[in-house]
PDB file of N, CA and C in Angstrom:
ATOM      1  N   MET A   1     -10.844   4.768  22.163  1.00  0.00           N
ATOM      2  CA  MET A   1     -10.474   3.437  22.582  1.00  0.00           C
ATOM      3  C   MET A   1      -9.351   2.936  21.678  1.00  0.00           C
ATOM      4  N   ILE A   2      -8.295   2.449  22.267  1.00  0.00           N
ATOM      5  CA  ILE A   2      -7.182   1.866  21.518  1.00  0.00           C
ATOM      6  C   ILE A   2      -7.469   0.384  21.351  1.00  0.00           C
ATOM      7  N   ARG A   3      -7.568  -0.054  20.120  1.00  0.00           N
ATOM      8  CA  ARG A   3      -7.895  -1.454  19.857  1.00  0.00           C
ATOM      9  C   ARG A   3      -6.657  -2.315  19.745  1.00  0.00           C
ATOM     10  N   GLU A   4      -5.730  -1.887  18.928  1.00  0.00           N
ATOM     11  CA  GLU A   4      -4.527  -2.690  18.690  1.00  0.00           C
ATOM     12  C   GLU A   4      -3.317  -1.772  18.704  1.00  0.00           C
ATOM     13  N   PRO A   5      -2.670  -1.616  19.874  1.00  0.00           N
ATOM     14  CA  PRO A   5      -1.505  -0.725  19.928  1.00  0.00           C
ATOM     15  C   PRO A   5      -0.378  -1.230  19.041  1.00  0.00           C
ATOM     16  N   ALA A   6       0.404  -0.305  18.561  1.00  0.00           N
ATOM     17  CA  ALA A   6       1.553  -0.641  17.725  1.00  0.00           C
ATOM     18  C   ALA A   6       2.709   0.252  18.146  1.00  0.00           C
ATOM     19  N   GLU A   7       3.904  -0.225  17.971  1.00  0.00           N
ATOM     20  CA  GLU A   7       5.082   0.553  18.297  1.00  0.00           C
ATOM     21  C   GLU A   7       5.663   1.175  17.040  1.00  0.00           C
ATOM     22  N   ALA A   8       6.239   2.357  17.215  1.00  0.00           N
ATOM     23  CA  ALA A   8       6.930   3.041  16.131  1.00  0.00           C
ATOM     24  C   ALA A   8       8.090   3.804  16.746  1.00  0.00           C
ATOM     25  N   THR A   9       9.021   4.233  15.928  1.00  0.00           N
ATOM     26  CA  THR A   9      10.182   4.975  16.387  1.00  0.00           C
ATOM     27  C   THR A   9      10.237   6.315  15.675  1.00  0.00           C
ATOM     28  N   VAL A  10      10.535   7.360  16.422  1.00  0.00           N
ATOM     29  CA  VAL A  10      10.720   8.679  15.821  1.00  0.00           C
ATOM     30  C   VAL A  10      12.095   8.691  15.171  1.00  0.00           C
ATOM     31  N   GLY A  11      12.113   8.958  13.874  1.00  0.00           N
ATOM     32  CA  GLY A  11      13.373   8.968  13.137  1.00  0.00           C
ATOM     33  C   GLY A  11      14.192  10.215  13.432  1.00  0.00           C
ATOM     34  N   GLU A  12      15.429  10.227  12.980  1.00  0.00           N
ATOM     35  CA  GLU A  12      16.334  11.350  13.218  1.00  0.00           C
ATOM     36  C   GLU A  12      15.806  12.658  12.654  1.00  0.00           C
ATOM     37  N   ASN A  13      15.005  12.580  11.589  1.00  0.00           N
ATOM     38  CA  ASN A  13      14.440  13.793  10.994  1.00  0.00           C
ATOM     39  C   ASN A  13      13.051  14.111  11.544  1.00  0.00           C
ATOM     40  N   GLY A  14      12.623  13.387  12.586  1.00  0.00           N
ATOM     41  CA  GLY A  14      11.350  13.677  13.244  1.00  0.00           C
ATOM     42  C   GLY A  14      10.143  12.971  12.661  1.00  0.00           C
ATOM     43  N   THR A  15      10.335  12.087  11.721  1.00  0.00           N
ATOM     44  CA  THR A  15       9.207  11.389  11.115  1.00  0.00           C
ATOM     45  C   THR A  15       8.870  10.105  11.860  1.00  0.00           C
ATOM     46  N   VAL A  16       7.601   9.729  11.776  1.00  0.00           N
ATOM     47  CA  VAL A  16       7.122   8.474  12.350  1.00  0.00           C
ATOM     48  C   VAL A  16       6.248   7.802  11.300  1.00  0.00           C
ATOM     49  N   ALA A  17       6.508   6.540  11.012  1.00  0.00           N
ATOM     50  CA  ALA A  17       5.659   5.780  10.103  1.00  0.00           C
ATOM     51  C   ALA A  17       4.517   5.183  10.924  1.00  0.00           C
ATOM     52  N   ILE A  18       3.290   5.513  10.553  1.00  0.00           N
ATOM     53  CA  ILE A  18       2.120   5.010  11.273  1.00  0.00           C
ATOM     54  C   ILE A  18       1.727   3.673  10.640  1.00  0.00           C
ATOM     55  N   PRO A  19       1.644   2.612  11.431  1.00  0.00           N
ATOM     56  CA  PRO A  19       1.280   1.300  10.881  1.00  0.00           C
ATOM     57  C   PRO A  19      -0.082   1.333  10.180  1.00  0.00           C
ATOM     58  N   LEU A  20      -0.203   0.594   9.083  1.00  0.00           N
ATOM     59  CA  LEU A  20      -1.431   0.606   8.289  1.00  0.00           C
ATOM     60  C   LEU A  20      -2.656   0.191   9.091  1.00  0.00           C
ATOM     61  N   GLY A  21      -2.520  -0.733  10.035  1.00  0.00           N
ATOM     62  CA  GLY A  21      -3.648  -1.149  10.865  1.00  0.00           C
ATOM     63  C   GLY A  21      -4.195  -0.004  11.698  1.00  0.00           C
ATOM     64  N   VAL A  22      -3.295   0.816  12.247  1.00  0.00           N
ATOM     65  CA  VAL A  22      -3.714   1.977  13.040  1.00  0.00           C
ATOM     66  C   VAL A  22      -4.405   2.996  12.136  1.00  0.00           C
ATOM     67  N   LEU A  23      -3.847   3.209  10.950  1.00  0.00           N
ATOM     68  CA  LEU A  23      -4.482   4.124   9.994  1.00  0.00           C
ATOM     69  C   LEU A  23      -5.890   3.645   9.647  1.00  0.00           C
ATOM     70  N   ALA A  24      -6.027   2.362   9.368  1.00  0.00           N
ATOM     71  CA  ALA A  24      -7.328   1.812   8.989  1.00  0.00           C
ATOM     72  C   ALA A  24      -8.342   1.972  10.120  1.00  0.00           C
ATOM     73  N   GLU A  25      -7.939   1.675  11.354  1.00  0.00           N
ATOM     74  CA  GLU A  25      -8.846   1.808  12.492  1.00  0.00           C
ATOM     75  C   GLU A  25      -9.286   3.249  12.698  1.00  0.00           C
ATOM     76  N   SER A  26      -8.406   4.192  12.374  1.00  0.00           N
ATOM     77  CA  SER A  26      -8.715   5.605  12.597  1.00  0.00           C
ATOM     78  C   SER A  26      -9.508   6.226  11.446  1.00  0.00           C
ATOM     79  N   GLY A  27      -9.622   5.499  10.346  1.00  0.00           N
ATOM     80  CA  GLY A  27     -10.316   6.054   9.190  1.00  0.00           C
ATOM     81  C   GLY A  27      -9.414   6.922   8.326  1.00  0.00           C
ATOM     82  N   LEU A  28      -8.106   6.871   8.590  1.00  0.00           N
ATOM     83  CA  LEU A  28      -7.152   7.624   7.775  1.00  0.00           C
ATOM     84  C   LEU A  28      -6.588   6.712   6.695  1.00  0.00           C
ATOM     85  N   TYR A  29      -5.934   7.295   5.725  1.00  0.00           N
ATOM     86  CA  TYR A  29      -5.352   6.542   4.630  1.00  0.00           C
ATOM     87  C   TYR A  29      -4.119   7.293   4.144  1.00  0.00           C
ATOM     88  N   PRO A  30      -3.188   6.616   3.496  1.00  0.00           N
ATOM     89  CA  PRO A  30      -2.022   7.317   2.969  1.00  0.00           C
ATOM     90  C   PRO A  30      -2.441   8.450   2.043  1.00  0.00           C
ATOM     91  N   GLY A  31      -1.902   9.625   2.266  1.00  0.00           N
ATOM     92  CA  GLY A  31      -2.231  10.799   1.470  1.00  0.00           C
ATOM     93  C   GLY A  31      -3.323  11.669   2.078  1.00  0.00           C
ATOM     94  N   ALA A  32      -3.939  11.224   3.183  1.00  0.00           N
ATOM     95  CA  ALA A  32      -4.992  12.016   3.835  1.00  0.00           C
ATOM     96  C   ALA A  32      -4.397  13.308   4.390  1.00  0.00           C
ATOM     97  N   GLU A  33      -5.161  14.395   4.300  1.00  0.00           N
ATOM     98  CA  GLU A  33      -4.727  15.660   4.885  1.00  0.00           C
ATOM     99  C   GLU A  33      -5.145  15.675   6.344  1.00  0.00           C
ATOM    100  N   VAL A  34      -4.181  15.952   7.223  1.00  0.00           N
ATOM    101  CA  VAL A  34      -4.430  15.894   8.656  1.00  0.00           C
ATOM    102  C   VAL A  34      -3.943  17.161   9.337  1.00  0.00           C
ATOM    103  N   VAL A  35      -4.421  17.363  10.545  1.00  0.00           N
ATOM    104  CA  VAL A  35      -3.947  18.426  11.426  1.00  0.00           C
ATOM    105  C   VAL A  35      -3.308  17.725  12.620  1.00  0.00           C
ATOM    106  N   ILE A  36      -2.115  18.167  13.000  1.00  0.00           N
ATOM    107  CA  ILE A  36      -1.370  17.528  14.081  1.00  0.00           C
ATOM    108  C   ILE A  36      -1.072  18.575  15.139  1.00  0.00           C
ATOM    109  N   TYR A  37      -1.336  18.225  16.402  1.00  0.00           N
ATOM    110  CA  TYR A  37      -1.003  19.140  17.488  1.00  0.00           C
ATOM    111  C   TYR A  37      -0.667  18.358  18.753  1.00  0.00           C
ATOM    112  N   SER A  38       0.055  19.017  19.643  1.00  0.00           N
ATOM    113  CA  SER A  38       0.434  18.411  20.913  1.00  0.00           C
ATOM    114  C   SER A  38      -0.714  18.564  21.894  1.00  0.00           C
ATOM    115  N   ASP A  39      -1.000  17.497  22.609  1.00  0.00           N
ATOM    116  CA  ASP A  39      -2.015  17.513  23.654  1.00  0.00           C
ATOM    117  C   ASP A  39      -1.334  17.446  25.022  1.00  0.00           C
ATOM    118  N   GLY A  40      -0.029  17.743  25.041  1.00  0.00           N
ATOM    119  CA  GLY A  40       0.751  17.760  26.277  1.00  0.00           C
ATOM    120  C   GLY A  40       1.107  16.375  26.766  1.00  0.00           C
ATOM    121  N   ASP A  41       2.028  16.332  27.702  1.00  0.00           N
ATOM    122  CA  ASP A  41       2.413  15.110  28.400  1.00  0.00           C
ATOM    123  C   ASP A  41       2.705  13.938  27.464  1.00  0.00           C
ATOM    124  N   GLY A  42       3.471  14.202  26.398  1.00  0.00           N
ATOM    125  CA  GLY A  42       3.880  13.128  25.499  1.00  0.00           C
ATOM    126  C   GLY A  42       2.813  12.648  24.539  1.00  0.00           C
ATOM    127  N   ARG A  43       1.733  13.410  24.397  1.00  0.00           N
ATOM    128  CA  ARG A  43       0.631  12.982  23.537  1.00  0.00           C
ATOM    129  C   ARG A  43       0.559  13.879  22.308  1.00  0.00           C
ATOM    130  N   ILE A  44       0.460  13.259  21.136  1.00  0.00           N
ATOM    131  CA  ILE A  44       0.287  13.977  19.878  1.00  0.00           C
ATOM    132  C   ILE A  44      -1.027  13.525  19.271  1.00  0.00           C
ATOM    133  N   VAL A  45      -1.833  14.483  18.826  1.00  0.00           N
ATOM    134  CA  VAL A  45      -3.134  14.186  18.231  1.00  0.00           C
ATOM    135  C   VAL A  45      -3.041  14.402  16.729  1.00  0.00           C
ATOM    136  N   ILE A  46      -3.554  13.447  15.975  1.00  0.00           N
ATOM    137  CA  ILE A  46      -3.623  13.556  14.515  1.00  0.00           C
ATOM    138  C   ILE A  46      -5.096  13.431  14.145  1.00  0.00           C
ATOM    139  N   ARG A  47      -5.637  14.470  13.499  1.00  0.00           N
ATOM    140  CA  ARG A  47      -7.049  14.445  13.114  1.00  0.00           C
ATOM    141  C   ARG A  47      -7.200  14.734  11.635  1.00  0.00           C
ATOM    142  N   ARG A  48      -8.240  14.160  11.033  1.00  0.00           N
ATOM    143  CA  ARG A  48      -8.543  14.481   9.642  1.00  0.00           C
ATOM    144  C   ARG A  48      -8.822  15.977   9.549  1.00  0.00           C
ATOM    145  N   GLN A  49      -8.238  16.617   8.545  1.00  0.00           N
ATOM    146  CA  GLN A  49      -8.420  18.050   8.362  1.00  0.00           C
ATOM    147  C   GLN A  49      -9.907  18.404   8.228  1.00  0.00           C
ATOM    148  N   GLU A  50     -10.653  17.593   7.509  1.00  0.00           N
ATOM    149  CA  GLU A  50     -12.080  17.873   7.306  1.00  0.00           C
ATOM    150  C   GLU A  50     -12.859  17.843   8.626  1.00  0.00           C
ATOM    151  N   ASP A  51     -12.464  16.966   9.559  1.00  0.00           N
ATOM    152  CA  ASP A  51     -13.134  16.907  10.859  1.00  0.00           C
ATOM    153  C   ASP A  51     -12.844  18.148  11.688  1.00  0.00           C
ATOM    154  N   VAL A  52     -11.595  18.626  11.636  1.00  0.00           N
ATOM    155  CA  VAL A  52     -11.225  19.833  12.373  1.00  0.00           C
ATOM    156  C   VAL A  52     -11.991  21.027  11.836  1.00  0.00           C
ATOM    157  N   ILE A  53     -12.065  21.154  10.517  1.00  0.00           N
ATOM    158  CA  ILE A  53     -12.801  22.262   9.905  1.00  0.00           C
ATOM    159  C   ILE A  53     -14.273  22.185  10.299  1.00  0.00           C
ATOM    160  N   HIS A  54     -14.851  21.017  10.247  1.00  0.00           N
ATOM    161  CA  HIS A  54     -16.253  20.839  10.639  1.00  0.00           C
ATOM    162  C   HIS A  54     -16.472  21.269  12.080  1.00  0.00           C
ATOM    163  N   ASP A  55     -15.608  20.830  12.989  1.00  0.00           N
ATOM    164  CA  ASP A  55     -15.724  21.188  14.400  1.00  0.00           C
ATOM    165  C   ASP A  55     -15.613  22.690  14.617  1.00  0.00           C
ATOM    166  N   LEU A  56     -14.669  23.327  13.913  1.00  0.00           N
ATOM    167  CA  LEU A  56     -14.486  24.770  14.059  1.00  0.00           C
ATOM    168  C   LEU A  56     -15.701  25.535  13.543  1.00  0.00           C
ATOM    169  N   LEU A  57     -16.257  25.103  12.414  1.00  0.00           N
ATOM    170  CA  LEU A  57     -17.439  25.759  11.858  1.00  0.00           C
ATOM    171  C   LEU A  57     -18.663  25.563  12.739  1.00  0.00           C
ATOM    172  N   ALA A  58     -18.704  24.444  13.470  1.00  0.00           N
ATOM    173  CA  ALA A  58     -19.817  24.156  14.360  1.00  0.00           C
ATOM    174  C   ALA A  58     -19.651  24.830  15.711  1.00  0.00           C
ATOM    175  N   GLY A  59     -18.532  25.557  15.889  1.00  0.00           N
ATOM    176  CA  GLY A  59     -18.312  26.276  17.135  1.00  0.00           C
ATOM    177  C   GLY A  59     -17.606  25.477  18.204  1.00  0.00           C
ATOM    178  N   GLY A  60     -17.062  24.321  17.827  1.00  0.00           N
ATOM    179  CA  GLY A  60     -16.364  23.491  18.803  1.00  0.00           C
ATOM    180  C   GLY A  60     -14.886  23.797  18.849  1.00  0.00           C
ATOM    181  N   ASN A  61     -14.182  23.000  19.587  1.00  0.00           N
ATOM    182  CA  ASN A  61     -12.723  23.115  19.705  1.00  0.00           C
ATOM    183  C   ASN A  61     -12.068  22.053  18.849  1.00  0.00           C
ATOM    184  N   LEU A  62     -10.715  22.157  18.756  1.00  0.00           N
ATOM    185  CA  LEU A  62      -9.974  21.125  18.059  1.00  0.00           C
ATOM    186  C   LEU A  62     -10.253  19.819  18.747  1.00  0.00           C
TER     187      LEU A  62
END
């Protein structure tokens, strides 16, 4: 569920600054280790690395 959408711009070097409110809602924080992958159709998924590892060890998917 998206609670408070925010706009960002992809910079010339491919970086995007994620607004602090979005980070807080997602449980992420500056310096968190994440896994990033494309989910197709203009969608990018960012997940905590520890959650991805947990899911993989439990036999699930990304």
